[in-house]
Every structure is written in structure tokens, then in C-alpha cells.
PDB file of N, CA and C in Angstrom:
ATOM      1  N   UNK A   1     -74.319 -37.892-105.635  1.00  0.00           N
ATOM      2  CA  UNK A   1     -74.379 -36.440-105.734  1.00  0.00           C
ATOM      3  C   UNK A   1     -74.621 -35.859-104.531  1.00  0.00           C
ATOM      4  N   UNK A   2     -73.577 -35.425-103.833  1.00  0.00           N
ATOM      5  CA  UNK A   2     -73.762 -34.880-102.452  1.00  0.00           C
ATOM      6  C   UNK A   2     -74.464 -33.563-102.592  1.00  0.00           C
ATOM      7  N   UNK A   3     -75.381 -33.540-101.604  1.00  0.00           N
ATOM      8  CA  UNK A   3     -76.300 -32.368-101.375  1.00  0.00           C
ATOM      9  C   UNK A   3     -77.443 -32.234-102.403  1.00  0.00           C
ATOM     10  N   UNK A   4     -77.637 -33.138-103.380  1.00  0.00           N
ATOM     11  CA  UNK A   4     -78.704 -33.247-104.227  1.00  0.00           C
ATOM     12  C   UNK A   4     -80.008 -33.633-103.609  1.00  0.00           C
ATOM     13  N   UNK A   5     -80.993 -33.011-103.950  1.00  0.00           N
ATOM     14  CA  UNK A   5     -82.354 -33.362-103.494  1.00  0.00           C
ATOM     15  C   UNK A   5     -83.297 -33.421-104.603  1.00  0.00           C
ATOM     16  N   UNK A   6     -84.321 -34.203-104.494  1.00  0.00           N
ATOM     17  CA  UNK A   6     -85.401 -34.254-105.443  1.00  0.00           C
ATOM     18  C   UNK A   6     -86.616 -33.291-105.088  1.00  0.00           C
ATOM     19  N   UNK A   7     -87.043 -32.466-105.677  1.00  0.00           N
ATOM     20  CA  UNK A   7     -88.201 -31.681-105.441  1.00  0.00           C
ATOM     21  C   UNK A   7     -89.208 -31.618-106.549  1.00  0.00           C
ATOM     22  N   UNK A   8     -90.141 -30.689-106.653  1.00  0.00           N
ATOM     23  CA  UNK A   8     -90.931 -30.632-107.731  1.00  0.00           C
ATOM     24  C   UNK A   8     -91.275 -29.254-108.124  1.00  0.00           C
ATOM     25  N   UNK A   9     -91.528 -28.996-109.367  1.00  0.00           N
ATOM     26  CA  UNK A   9     -91.719 -27.520-109.872  1.00  0.00           C
ATOM     27  C   UNK A   9     -92.731 -27.759-111.097  1.00  0.00           C
ATOM     28  N   UNK A  10     -93.763 -26.968-111.129  1.00  0.00           N
ATOM     29  CA  UNK A  10     -94.799 -26.994-112.201  1.00  0.00           C
ATOM     30  C   UNK A  10     -95.214 -28.532-112.569  1.00  0.00           C
ATOM     31  N   UNK A  11     -95.554 -29.252-111.602  1.00  0.00           N
ATOM     32  CA  UNK A  11     -95.983 -30.644-111.720  1.00  0.00           C
ATOM     33  C   UNK A  11     -95.027 -31.582-112.325  1.00  0.00           C
ATOM     34  N   UNK A  12     -93.796 -31.307-112.218  1.00  0.00           N
ATOM     35  CA  UNK A  12     -92.790 -32.374-112.731  1.00  0.00           C
ATOM     36  C   UNK A  12     -91.597 -32.354-111.708  1.00  0.00           C
ATOM     37  N   UNK A  13     -90.965 -33.530-111.582  1.00  0.00           N
ATOM     38  CA  UNK A  13     -89.768 -33.604-110.787  1.00  0.00           C
ATOM     39  C   UNK A  13     -88.489 -32.730-111.245  1.00  0.00           C
ATOM     40  N   UNK A  14     -87.877 -32.290-110.144  1.00  0.00           N
ATOM     41  CA  UNK A  14     -86.572 -31.573-110.578  1.00  0.00           C
ATOM     42  C   UNK A  14     -85.560 -31.960-109.444  1.00  0.00           C
ATOM     43  N   UNK A  15     -84.307 -31.754-109.832  1.00  0.00           N
ATOM     44  CA  UNK A  15     -83.261 -32.197-109.004  1.00  0.00           C
ATOM     45  C   UNK A  15     -82.429 -30.800-108.707  1.00  0.00           C
ATOM     46  N   UNK A  16     -82.124 -30.622-107.305  1.00  0.00           N
ATOM     47  CA  UNK A  16     -81.422 -29.479-106.858  1.00  0.00           C
ATOM     48  C   UNK A  16     -80.150 -29.672-105.993  1.00  0.00           C
ATOM     49  N   UNK A  17     -79.380 -28.770-106.202  1.00  0.00           N
ATOM     50  CA  UNK A  17     -78.113 -28.753-105.406  1.00  0.00           C
ATOM     51  C   UNK A  17     -77.926 -27.334-105.032  1.00  0.00           C
ATOM     52  N   UNK A  18     -77.565 -27.011-103.835  1.00  0.00           N
ATOM     53  CA  UNK A  18     -77.294 -25.719-103.459  1.00  0.00           C
ATOM     54  C   UNK A  18     -78.412 -24.716-103.858  1.00  0.00           C
ATOM     55  N   UNK A  19     -79.619 -25.169-103.760  1.00  0.00           N
ATOM     56  CA  UNK A  19     -80.690 -24.438-104.011  1.00  0.00           C
ATOM     57  C   UNK A  19     -80.898 -24.060-105.426  1.00  0.00           C
ATOM     58  N   UNK A  20     -80.088 -24.741-106.390  1.00  0.00           N
ATOM     59  CA  UNK A  20     -80.217 -24.446-107.799  1.00  0.00           C
ATOM     60  C   UNK A  20     -80.780 -25.778-108.357  1.00  0.00           C
ATOM     61  N   UNK A  21     -81.594 -25.570-109.432  1.00  0.00           N
ATOM     62  CA  UNK A  21     -82.143 -26.693-110.250  1.00  0.00           C
ATOM     63  C   UNK A  21     -81.121 -27.079-111.333  1.00  0.00           C
ATOM     64  N   UNK A  22     -80.671 -28.324-111.219  1.00  0.00           N
ATOM     65  CA  UNK A  22     -79.718 -28.739-112.244  1.00  0.00           C
ATOM     66  C   UNK A  22     -80.250 -29.725-113.247  1.00  0.00           C
ATOM     67  N   UNK A  23     -81.324 -30.350-113.053  1.00  0.00           N
ATOM     68  CA  UNK A  23     -82.069 -31.309-113.891  1.00  0.00           C
ATOM     69  C   UNK A  23     -83.457 -31.393-113.629  1.00  0.00           C
ATOM     70  N   UNK A  24     -84.314 -31.656-114.672  1.00  0.00           N
ATOM     71  CA  UNK A  24     -85.702 -31.950-114.453  1.00  0.00           C
ATOM     72  C   UNK A  24     -86.150 -33.145-115.399  1.00  0.00           C
ATOM     73  N   UNK A  25     -87.316 -33.703-114.922  1.00  0.00           N
ATOM     74  CA  UNK A  25     -87.829 -34.584-115.944  1.00  0.00           C
ATOM     75  C   UNK A  25     -89.343 -34.233-116.165  1.00  0.00           C
ATOM     76  N   UNK A  26     -89.825 -34.279-117.465  1.00  0.00           N
ATOM     77  CA  UNK A  26     -90.985 -33.895-117.785  1.00  0.00           C
ATOM     78  C   UNK A  26     -92.088 -34.800-117.130  1.00  0.00           C
ATOM     79  N   UNK A  27     -93.274 -34.218-117.090  1.00  0.00           N
ATOM     80  CA  UNK A  27     -94.398 -34.912-116.526  1.00  0.00           C
ATOM     81  C   UNK A  27     -94.592 -36.246-117.212  1.00  0.00           C
ATOM     82  N   UNK A  28     -94.498 -36.429-118.563  1.00  0.00           N
ATOM     83  CA  UNK A  28     -94.704 -37.705-119.251  1.00  0.00           C
ATOM     84  C   UNK A  28     -93.441 -38.550-119.347  1.00  0.00           C
ATOM     85  N   UNK A  29     -92.406 -38.116-118.712  1.00  0.00           N
ATOM     86  CA  UNK A  29     -91.056 -38.839-118.524  1.00  0.00           C
ATOM     87  C   UNK A  29     -90.449 -39.132-119.787  1.00  0.00           C
ATOM     88  N   UNK A  30     -90.813 -38.420-120.882  1.00  0.00           N
ATOM     89  CA  UNK A  30     -90.167 -38.697-122.080  1.00  0.00           C
ATOM     90  C   UNK A  30     -88.937 -37.674-122.394  1.00  0.00           C
ATOM     91  N   UNK A  31     -88.901 -36.610-121.580  1.00  0.00           N
ATOM     92  CA  UNK A  31     -87.819 -35.570-121.866  1.00  0.00           C
ATOM     93  C   UNK A  31     -87.355 -35.206-120.497  1.00  0.00           C
ATOM     94  N   UNK A  32     -86.148 -34.716-120.468  1.00  0.00           N
ATOM     95  CA  UNK A  32     -85.461 -34.109-119.358  1.00  0.00           C
ATOM     96  C   UNK A  32     -84.714 -32.840-119.768  1.00  0.00           C
ATOM     97  N   UNK A  33     -84.282 -32.174-118.733  1.00  0.00           N
ATOM     98  CA  UNK A  33     -83.467 -31.083-118.808  1.00  0.00           C
ATOM     99  C   UNK A  33     -82.348 -31.090-117.969  1.00  0.00           C
ATOM    100  N   UNK A  34     -81.057 -30.756-118.509  1.00  0.00           N
ATOM    101  CA  UNK A  34     -79.869 -30.655-117.577  1.00  0.00           C
ATOM    102  C   UNK A  34     -79.280 -29.157-117.997  1.00  0.00           C
ATOM    103  N   UNK A  35     -78.883 -28.557-116.871  1.00  0.00           N
ATOM    104  CA  UNK A  35     -78.150 -27.334-116.813  1.00  0.00           C
ATOM    105  C   UNK A  35     -76.735 -27.434-117.213  1.00  0.00           C
ATOM    106  N   UNK A  36     -76.272 -27.341-118.393  1.00  0.00           N
ATOM    107  CA  UNK A  36     -74.913 -27.423-118.757  1.00  0.00           C
ATOM    108  C   UNK A  36     -74.343 -26.094-119.158  1.00  0.00           C
ATOM    109  N   UNK A  37     -72.985 -26.013-119.363  1.00  0.00           N
ATOM    110  CA  UNK A  37     -72.392 -24.791-119.932  1.00  0.00           C
ATOM    111  C   UNK A  37     -72.718 -24.867-121.424  1.00  0.00           C
ATOM    112  N   UNK A  38     -72.653 -23.794-122.169  1.00  0.00           N
ATOM    113  CA  UNK A  38     -72.803 -23.845-123.582  1.00  0.00           C
ATOM    114  C   UNK A  38     -71.851 -24.643-124.293  1.00  0.00           C
ATOM    115  N   UNK A  39     -70.574 -24.790-123.756  1.00  0.00           N
ATOM    116  CA  UNK A  39     -69.582 -25.648-124.383  1.00  0.00           C
ATOM    117  C   UNK A  39     -69.971 -27.184-124.225  1.00  0.00           C
ATOM    118  N   UNK A  40     -70.412 -27.509-122.989  1.00  0.00           N
ATOM    119  CA  UNK A  40     -70.835 -28.838-122.650  1.00  0.00           C
ATOM    120  C   UNK A  40     -72.068 -29.143-123.640  1.00  0.00           C
ATOM    121  N   UNK A  41     -72.990 -28.240-123.667  1.00  0.00           N
ATOM    122  CA  UNK A  41     -74.182 -28.608-124.518  1.00  0.00           C
ATOM    123  C   UNK A  41     -73.806 -28.684-125.960  1.00  0.00           C
ATOM    124  N   UNK A  42     -72.830 -28.099-126.426  1.00  0.00           N
ATOM    125  CA  UNK A  42     -72.382 -28.209-127.838  1.00  0.00           C
ATOM    126  C   UNK A  42     -71.856 -29.600-127.985  1.00  0.00           C
ATOM    127  N   UNK A  43     -71.030 -30.046-127.059  1.00  0.00           N
ATOM    128  CA  UNK A  43     -70.324 -31.331-127.162  1.00  0.00           C
ATOM    129  C   UNK A  43     -71.467 -32.435-126.987  1.00  0.00           C
ATOM    130  N   UNK A  44     -72.320 -32.370-126.267  1.00  0.00           N
ATOM    131  CA  UNK A  44     -73.412 -33.429-126.092  1.00  0.00           C
ATOM    132  C   UNK A  44     -74.233 -33.540-127.394  1.00  0.00           C
ATOM    133  N   UNK A  45     -74.655 -32.419-127.954  1.00  0.00           N
ATOM    134  CA  UNK A  45     -75.383 -32.299-129.213  1.00  0.00           C
ATOM    135  C   UNK A  45     -74.520 -32.875-130.399  1.00  0.00           C
ATOM    136  N   UNK A  46     -73.194 -32.687-130.484  1.00  0.00           N
ATOM    137  CA  UNK A  46     -72.403 -33.146-131.468  1.00  0.00           C
ATOM    138  C   UNK A  46     -72.226 -34.635-131.368  1.00  0.00           C
ATOM    139  N   UNK A  47     -71.972 -35.138-130.095  1.00  0.00           N
ATOM    140  CA  UNK A  47     -71.676 -36.540-129.779  1.00  0.00           C
ATOM    141  C   UNK A  47     -72.916 -37.358-129.854  1.00  0.00           C
ATOM    142  N   UNK A  48     -74.105 -36.871-129.661  1.00  0.00           N
ATOM    143  CA  UNK A  48     -75.286 -37.536-129.567  1.00  0.00           C
ATOM    144  C   UNK A  48     -76.550 -36.840-130.315  1.00  0.00           C
ATOM    145  N   UNK A  49     -76.205 -36.801-131.655  1.00  0.00           N
ATOM    146  CA  UNK A  49     -77.307 -36.089-132.395  1.00  0.00           C
ATOM    147  C   UNK A  49     -78.720 -36.531-132.220  1.00  0.00           C
ATOM    148  N   UNK A  50     -79.706 -35.731-132.106  1.00  0.00           N
ATOM    149  CA  UNK A  50     -81.035 -36.099-132.034  1.00  0.00           C
ATOM    150  C   UNK A  50     -81.467 -36.373-130.552  1.00  0.00           C
ATOM    151  N   UNK A  51     -80.497 -36.499-129.627  1.00  0.00           N
ATOM    152  CA  UNK A  51     -80.850 -36.770-128.314  1.00  0.00           C
ATOM    153  C   UNK A  51     -80.828 -35.429-127.391  1.00  0.00           C
ATOM    154  N   UNK A  52     -79.915 -34.638-127.667  1.00  0.00           N
ATOM    155  CA  UNK A  52     -79.814 -33.346-126.922  1.00  0.00           C
ATOM    156  C   UNK A  52     -80.072 -32.107-127.777  1.00  0.00           C
ATOM    157  N   UNK A  53     -80.711 -31.112-127.285  1.00  0.00           N
ATOM    158  CA  UNK A  53     -81.025 -29.816-127.972  1.00  0.00           C
ATOM    159  C   UNK A  53     -81.017 -28.784-127.014  1.00  0.00           C
ATOM    160  N   UNK A  54     -80.684 -27.615-127.490  1.00  0.00           N
ATOM    161  CA  UNK A  54     -80.969 -26.512-126.479  1.00  0.00           C
ATOM    162  C   UNK A  54     -82.514 -26.126-126.111  1.00  0.00           C
ATOM    163  N   UNK A  55     -82.719 -25.735-124.876  1.00  0.00           N
ATOM    164  CA  UNK A  55     -83.947 -25.261-124.595  1.00  0.00           C
ATOM    165  C   UNK A  55     -84.312 -24.013-125.455  1.00  0.00           C
ATOM    166  N   UNK A  56     -85.582 -23.635-125.487  1.00  0.00           N
ATOM    167  CA  UNK A  56     -85.907 -22.571-126.286  1.00  0.00           C
ATOM    168  C   UNK A  56     -85.547 -21.241-125.594  1.00  0.00           C
ATOM    169  N   UNK A  57     -85.120 -20.188-126.389  1.00  0.00           N
ATOM    170  CA  UNK A  57     -85.006 -18.935-125.988  1.00  0.00           C
ATOM    171  C   UNK A  57     -83.532 -18.792-125.161  1.00  0.00           C
ATOM    172  N   UNK A  58     -83.447 -17.867-124.278  1.00  0.00           N
ATOM    173  CA  UNK A  58     -82.305 -17.392-123.599  1.00  0.00           C
ATOM    174  C   UNK A  58     -81.705 -18.557-122.665  1.00  0.00           C
ATOM    175  N   UNK A  59     -82.738 -19.364-122.172  1.00  0.00           N
ATOM    176  CA  UNK A  59     -82.392 -20.468-121.306  1.00  0.00           C
ATOM    177  C   UNK A  59     -81.327 -21.423-122.094  1.00  0.00           C
ATOM    178  N   UNK A  60     -81.854 -21.830-123.247  1.00  0.00           N
ATOM    179  CA  UNK A  60     -81.026 -22.604-124.143  1.00  0.00           C
ATOM    180  C   UNK A  60     -79.759 -22.010-124.565  1.00  0.00           C
ATOM    181  N   UNK A  61     -79.590 -20.786-124.878  1.00  0.00           N
ATOM    182  CA  UNK A  61     -78.283 -20.129-125.161  1.00  0.00           C
ATOM    183  C   UNK A  61     -77.363 -20.161-123.951  1.00  0.00           C
ATOM    184  N   UNK A  62     -77.967 -20.159-122.728  1.00  0.00           N
ATOM    185  CA  UNK A  62     -77.105 -20.257-121.524  1.00  0.00           C
ATOM    186  C   UNK A  62     -76.634 -21.642-121.112  1.00  0.00           C
ATOM    187  N   UNK A  63     -77.239 -22.710-121.805  1.00  0.00           N
ATOM    188  CA  UNK A  63     -76.802 -24.007-121.632  1.00  0.00           C
ATOM    189  C   UNK A  63     -77.711 -24.940-121.189  1.00  0.00           C
ATOM    190  N   UNK A  64     -79.116 -24.514-120.870  1.00  0.00           N
ATOM    191  CA  UNK A  64     -80.058 -25.447-120.565  1.00  0.00           C
ATOM    192  C   UNK A  64     -80.359 -26.349-121.725  1.00  0.00           C
ATOM    193  N   UNK A  65     -80.261 -27.696-121.519  1.00  0.00           N
ATOM    194  CA  UNK A  65     -80.313 -28.549-122.654  1.00  0.00           C
ATOM    195  C   UNK A  65     -81.374 -29.638-122.295  1.00  0.00           C
ATOM    196  N   UNK A  66     -82.213 -29.822-123.542  1.00  0.00           N
ATOM    197  CA  UNK A  66     -83.272 -30.851-123.307  1.00  0.00           C
ATOM    198  C   UNK A  66     -82.772 -32.185-123.873  1.00  0.00           C
ATOM    199  N   UNK A  67     -83.154 -33.150-123.133  1.00  0.00           N
ATOM    200  CA  UNK A  67     -82.755 -34.511-123.468  1.00  0.00           C
ATOM    201  C   UNK A  67     -83.968 -35.438-123.816  1.00  0.00           C
ATOM    202  N   UNK A  68     -83.960 -36.043-124.930  1.00  0.00           N
ATOM    203  CA  UNK A  68     -84.905 -36.951-125.396  1.00  0.00           C
ATOM    204  C   UNK A  68     -84.442 -38.341-124.851  1.00  0.00           C
ATOM    205  N   UNK A  69     -85.108 -38.755-123.740  1.00  0.00           N
ATOM    206  CA  UNK A  69     -84.690 -39.889-122.984  1.00  0.00           C
ATOM    207  C   UNK A  69     -84.638 -41.138-123.797  1.00  0.00           C
ATOM    208  N   UNK A  70     -85.612 -41.329-124.661  1.00  0.00           N
ATOM    209  CA  UNK A  70     -85.642 -42.791-125.363  1.00  0.00           C
ATOM    210  C   UNK A  70     -84.437 -42.619-126.473  1.00  0.00           C
ATOM    211  N   UNK A  71     -83.956 -41.589-126.700  1.00  0.00           N
ATOM    212  CA  UNK A  71     -82.888 -41.356-127.745  1.00  0.00           C
ATOM    213  C   UNK A  71     -81.460 -41.530-127.299  1.00  0.00           C
ATOM    214  N   UNK A  72     -81.297 -41.920-126.127  1.00  0.00           N
ATOM    215  CA  UNK A  72     -79.958 -41.990-125.479  1.00  0.00           C
ATOM    216  C   UNK A  72     -79.950 -43.015-124.448  1.00  0.00           C
ATOM    217  N   UNK A  73     -78.836 -43.363-123.885  1.00  0.00           N
ATOM    218  CA  UNK A  73     -78.791 -44.512-122.877  1.00  0.00           C
ATOM    219  C   UNK A  73     -78.460 -43.910-121.419  1.00  0.00           C
ATOM    220  N   UNK A  74     -78.564 -44.802-120.497  1.00  0.00           N
ATOM    221  CA  UNK A  74     -78.636 -44.348-119.134  1.00  0.00           C
ATOM    222  C   UNK A  74     -77.261 -43.629-118.630  1.00  0.00           C
ATOM    223  N   UNK A  75     -76.228 -44.116-119.281  1.00  0.00           N
ATOM    224  CA  UNK A  75     -74.817 -43.851-118.898  1.00  0.00           C
ATOM    225  C   UNK A  75     -74.697 -42.330-119.381  1.00  0.00           C
ATOM    226  N   UNK A  76     -75.131 -42.134-120.659  1.00  0.00           N
ATOM    227  CA  UNK A  76     -74.904 -40.798-121.217  1.00  0.00           C
ATOM    228  C   UNK A  76     -75.747 -39.737-120.506  1.00  0.00           C
ATOM    229  N   UNK A  77     -77.017 -40.036-120.063  1.00  0.00           N
ATOM    230  CA  UNK A  77     -77.874 -39.217-119.155  1.00  0.00           C
ATOM    231  C   UNK A  77     -77.040 -38.921-117.856  1.00  0.00           C
ATOM    232  N   UNK A  78     -76.579 -39.997-117.347  1.00  0.00           N
ATOM    233  CA  UNK A  78     -75.945 -39.905-116.007  1.00  0.00           C
ATOM    234  C   UNK A  78     -74.777 -39.042-116.159  1.00  0.00           C
ATOM    235  N   UNK A  79     -73.996 -38.987-117.156  1.00  0.00           N
ATOM    236  CA  UNK A  79     -72.794 -38.154-117.343  1.00  0.00           C
ATOM    237  C   UNK A  79     -73.345 -36.653-117.504  1.00  0.00           C
ATOM    238  N   UNK A  80     -74.419 -36.455-118.303  1.00  0.00           N
ATOM    239  CA  UNK A  80     -74.873 -35.232-118.192  1.00  0.00           C
ATOM    240  C   UNK A  80     -75.394 -34.555-116.947  1.00  0.00           C
ATOM    241  N   UNK A  81     -76.065 -35.347-116.185  1.00  0.00           N
ATOM    242  CA  UNK A  81     -76.642 -35.044-114.923  1.00  0.00           C
ATOM    243  C   UNK A  81     -75.497 -34.650-114.047  1.00  0.00           C
ATOM    244  N   UNK A  82     -74.439 -35.547-114.093  1.00  0.00           N
ATOM    245  CA  UNK A  82     -73.216 -35.340-113.163  1.00  0.00           C
ATOM    246  C   UNK A  82     -72.487 -33.921-113.527  1.00  0.00           C
ATOM    247  N   UNK A  83     -72.348 -33.725-114.775  1.00  0.00           N
ATOM    248  CA  UNK A  83     -71.854 -32.380-115.206  1.00  0.00           C
ATOM    249  C   UNK A  83     -72.752 -31.259-114.709  1.00  0.00           C
ATOM    250  N   UNK A  84     -74.103 -31.453-114.786  1.00  0.00           N
ATOM    251  CA  UNK A  84     -75.006 -30.314-114.453  1.00  0.00           C
ATOM    252  C   UNK A  84     -74.942 -30.161-112.847  1.00  0.00           C
ATOM    253  N   UNK A  85     -74.794 -31.276-112.186  1.00  0.00           N
ATOM    254  CA  UNK A  85     -74.608 -31.052-110.741  1.00  0.00           C
ATOM    255  C   UNK A  85     -73.360 -30.430-110.296  1.00  0.00           C
ATOM    256  N   UNK A  86     -72.287 -30.812-110.992  1.00  0.00           N
ATOM    257  CA  UNK A  86     -70.906 -30.119-110.823  1.00  0.00           C
ATOM    258  C   UNK A  86     -71.061 -28.619-111.123  1.00  0.00           C
ATOM    259  N   UNK A  87     -71.660 -28.311-112.189  1.00  0.00           N
ATOM    260  CA  UNK A  87     -71.847 -26.928-112.535  1.00  0.00           C
ATOM    261  C   UNK A  87     -72.670 -26.092-111.548  1.00  0.00           C
ATOM    262  N   UNK A  88     -73.722 -26.668-110.921  1.00  0.00           N
ATOM    263  CA  UNK A  88     -74.379 -26.064-109.861  1.00  0.00           C
ATOM    264  C   UNK A  88     -73.556 -25.826-108.612  1.00  0.00           C
ATOM    265  N   UNK A  89     -72.552 -26.726-108.240  1.00  0.00           N
ATOM    266  CA  UNK A  89     -71.791 -26.489-107.133  1.00  0.00           C
ATOM    267  C   UNK A  89     -70.733 -25.340-107.567  1.00  0.00           C
ATOM    268  N   UNK A  90     -70.153 -25.263-108.745  1.00  0.00           N
ATOM    269  CA  UNK A  90     -69.198 -24.247-109.153  1.00  0.00           C
ATOM    270  C   UNK A  90     -69.852 -22.957-109.091  1.00  0.00           C
ATOM    271  N   UNK A  91     -71.271 -22.911-109.605  1.00  0.00           N
ATOM    272  CA  UNK A  91     -71.881 -21.473-109.619  1.00  0.00           C
ATOM    273  C   UNK A  91     -72.008 -21.074-108.167  1.00  0.00           C
ATOM    274  N   UNK A  92     -72.318 -21.860-107.275  1.00  0.00           N
ATOM    275  CA  UNK A  92     -72.504 -21.545-105.885  1.00  0.00           C
ATOM    276  C   UNK A  92     -71.274 -20.892-105.388  1.00  0.00           C
ATOM    277  N   UNK A  93     -70.113 -21.512-105.756  1.00  0.00           N
ATOM    278  CA  UNK A  93     -68.858 -21.029-105.199  1.00  0.00           C
ATOM    279  C   UNK A  93     -68.523 -19.669-105.646  1.00  0.00           C
ATOM    280  N   UNK A  94     -68.935 -19.282-106.985  1.00  0.00           N
ATOM    281  CA  UNK A  94     -68.602 -18.058-107.570  1.00  0.00           C
ATOM    282  C   UNK A  94     -69.643 -16.909-106.983  1.00  0.00           C
ATOM    283  N   UNK A  95     -70.765 -17.339-106.604  1.00  0.00           N
ATOM    284  CA  UNK A  95     -71.917 -16.337-106.340  1.00  0.00           C
ATOM    285  C   UNK A  95     -71.546 -15.919-104.922  1.00  0.00           C
ATOM    286  N   UNK A  96     -71.350 -14.577-104.702  1.00  0.00           N
ATOM    287  CA  UNK A  96     -71.067 -13.996-103.345  1.00  0.00           C
ATOM    288  C   UNK A  96     -72.431 -14.033-102.618  1.00  0.00           C
ATOM    289  N   UNK A  97     -72.229 -14.149-101.260  1.00  0.00           N
ATOM    290  CA  UNK A  97     -73.459 -14.291-100.408  1.00  0.00           C
ATOM    291  C   UNK A  97     -74.145 -12.859-100.532  1.00  0.00           C
ATOM    292  N   UNK A  98     -75.496 -12.901-100.198  1.00  0.00           N
ATOM    293  CA  UNK A  98     -76.203 -11.629-100.285  1.00  0.00           C
ATOM    294  C   UNK A  98     -75.738 -10.621 -99.430  1.00  0.00           C
ATOM    295  N   UNK A  99     -75.275 -11.052 -98.060  1.00  0.00           N
ATOM    296  CA  UNK A  99     -74.741 -10.065 -97.143  1.00  0.00           C
ATOM    297  C   UNK A  99     -73.449  -9.389 -97.610  1.00  0.00           C
ATOM    298  N   UNK A 100     -72.527 -10.228 -98.274  1.00  0.00           N
ATOM    299  CA  UNK A 100     -71.318  -9.779 -98.619  1.00  0.00           C
ATOM    300  C   UNK A 100     -71.445  -8.882 -99.867  1.00  0.00           C
ATOM    301  N   UNK A 101     -72.425  -9.157-100.676  1.00  0.00           N
ATOM    302  CA  UNK A 101     -72.361  -8.408-101.965  1.00  0.00           C
ATOM    303  C   UNK A 101     -73.103  -6.972-101.590  1.00  0.00           C
ATOM    304  N   UNK A 102     -73.981  -6.895-100.629  1.00  0.00           N
ATOM    305  CA  UNK A 102     -74.628  -5.785-100.178  1.00  0.00           C
ATOM    306  C   UNK A 102     -73.624  -4.979 -99.524  1.00  0.00           C
ATOM    307  N   UNK A 103     -72.662  -5.460 -98.659  1.00  0.00           N
ATOM    308  CA  UNK A 103     -71.753  -4.692 -97.824  1.00  0.00           C
ATOM    309  C   UNK A 103     -70.770  -4.176 -98.963  1.00  0.00           C
ATOM    310  N   UNK A 104     -70.312  -5.021 -99.954  1.00  0.00           N
ATOM    311  CA  UNK A 104     -69.378  -4.538-100.862  1.00  0.00           C
ATOM    312  C   UNK A 104     -69.862  -3.390-101.756  1.00  0.00           C
ATOM    313  N   UNK A 105     -71.251  -3.486-102.050  1.00  0.00           N
ATOM    314  CA  UNK A 105     -71.744  -2.398-103.047  1.00  0.00           C
ATOM    315  C   UNK A 105     -71.997  -1.046-102.181  1.00  0.00           C
ATOM    316  N   UNK A 106     -71.963  -1.016-100.933  1.00  0.00           N
ATOM    317  CA  UNK A 106     -72.305   0.138-100.130  1.00  0.00           C
ATOM    318  C   UNK A 106     -71.133   0.939 -99.665  1.00  0.00           C
ATOM    319  N   UNK A 107     -70.803   2.063 -99.928  1.00  0.00           N
ATOM    320  CA  UNK A 107     -69.646   2.783 -99.584  1.00  0.00           C
ATOM    321  C   UNK A 107     -69.601   3.006 -98.070  1.00  0.00           C
ATOM    322  N   UNK A 108     -68.485   2.976 -97.465  1.00  0.00           N
ATOM    323  CA  UNK A 108     -68.403   3.097 -96.001  1.00  0.00           C
ATOM    324  C   UNK A 108     -68.991   4.522 -95.614  1.00  0.00           C
ATOM    325  N   UNK A 109     -69.570   4.515 -94.577  1.00  0.00           N
ATOM    326  CA  UNK A 109     -70.083   5.909 -94.050  1.00  0.00           C
ATOM    327  C   UNK A 109     -68.981   6.530 -93.239  1.00  0.00           C
ATOM    328  N   UNK A 110     -68.755   7.848 -93.548  1.00  0.00           N
ATOM    329  CA  UNK A 110     -67.838   8.665 -92.610  1.00  0.00           C
ATOM    330  C   UNK A 110     -68.490   9.424 -91.618  1.00  0.00           C
ATOM    331  N   UNK A 111     -67.816   9.583 -90.549  1.00  0.00           N
ATOM    332  CA  UNK A 111     -68.458  10.335 -89.392  1.00  0.00           C
ATOM    333  C   UNK A 111     -67.987  11.789 -89.598  1.00  0.00           C
ATOM    334  N   UNK A 112     -68.712  12.753 -89.413  1.00  0.00           N
ATOM    335  CA  UNK A 112     -68.289  13.997 -89.447  1.00  0.00           C
ATOM    336  C   UNK A 112     -67.565  14.468 -88.045  1.00  0.00           C
ATOM    337  N   UNK A 113     -66.650  15.060 -88.283  1.00  0.00           N
ATOM    338  CA  UNK A 113     -65.848  15.582 -86.980  1.00  0.00           C
ATOM    339  C   UNK A 113     -66.779  16.565 -86.224  1.00  0.00           C
ATOM    340  N   UNK A 114     -66.786  16.468 -84.785  1.00  0.00           N
ATOM    341  CA  UNK A 114     -67.477  17.300 -84.061  1.00  0.00           C
ATOM    342  C   UNK A 114     -66.886  18.658 -84.126  1.00  0.00           C
ATOM    343  N   UNK A 115     -67.756  19.762 -84.224  1.00  0.00           N
ATOM    344  CA  UNK A 115     -67.286  21.124 -84.289  1.00  0.00           C
ATOM    345  C   UNK A 115     -67.102  21.723 -82.855  1.00  0.00           C
TER     346      UNK A 115
END
């Protein structure tokens, strides 16, 4: 996973690419989280009942998906992590840089003609 790094957040490991968290592991290493699209989340829940579920609240509705690690195999978790990593790369390409978006939202200044 090119550009992926392991870091930590709130006393548990997370995995980031392009400055975005795409996966985490709980402190007790029983659960993890992957950032999927809502459609990907639905497919994993359908194909692996009991192993994948939405995170609570708005995060879950947006695709943050909890994984019960003991309820699935390494290949399936790897597939979910790969999709989450790819999603973080796609999200970065869609997001305009702060400088560009600030310039785009500011109307050009016009100079007044000298009298």
C-alpha cells in the first residue's frame, strides 16, 4: 500500500494514506475499522454476516465499517483494507488543495480607474 503509514490515535493503531485514516485496530485487537463507501460496506455486510457492521452514527452511514476480526479471515480483512486504502487515494484526488479552493471562492479584485 504505497504511501501508507502506521500511526496512533486515542491509544490504538491506525493506518493512514495521504493524511487520511483508512483503517484502525482497537486496543484489545478484537475489532478494527475500515473506511469503505456505503456500497462497499453493504457488500461486505451481505457477504460476511456477523463480521462487518456500520460504525455508530453518521460515521457508519458514511461507510466507516467495524470488523470483528475473529469472525473473518485474513484475506477478507486484507481486501477490505485495500479498498479503504484505495478510497483514501481517490478522496485525495477529488479534494482541491486549500490554496486553490480559497482562490476559487474569492472573487477577483478590480482596480478602480484613476480620476
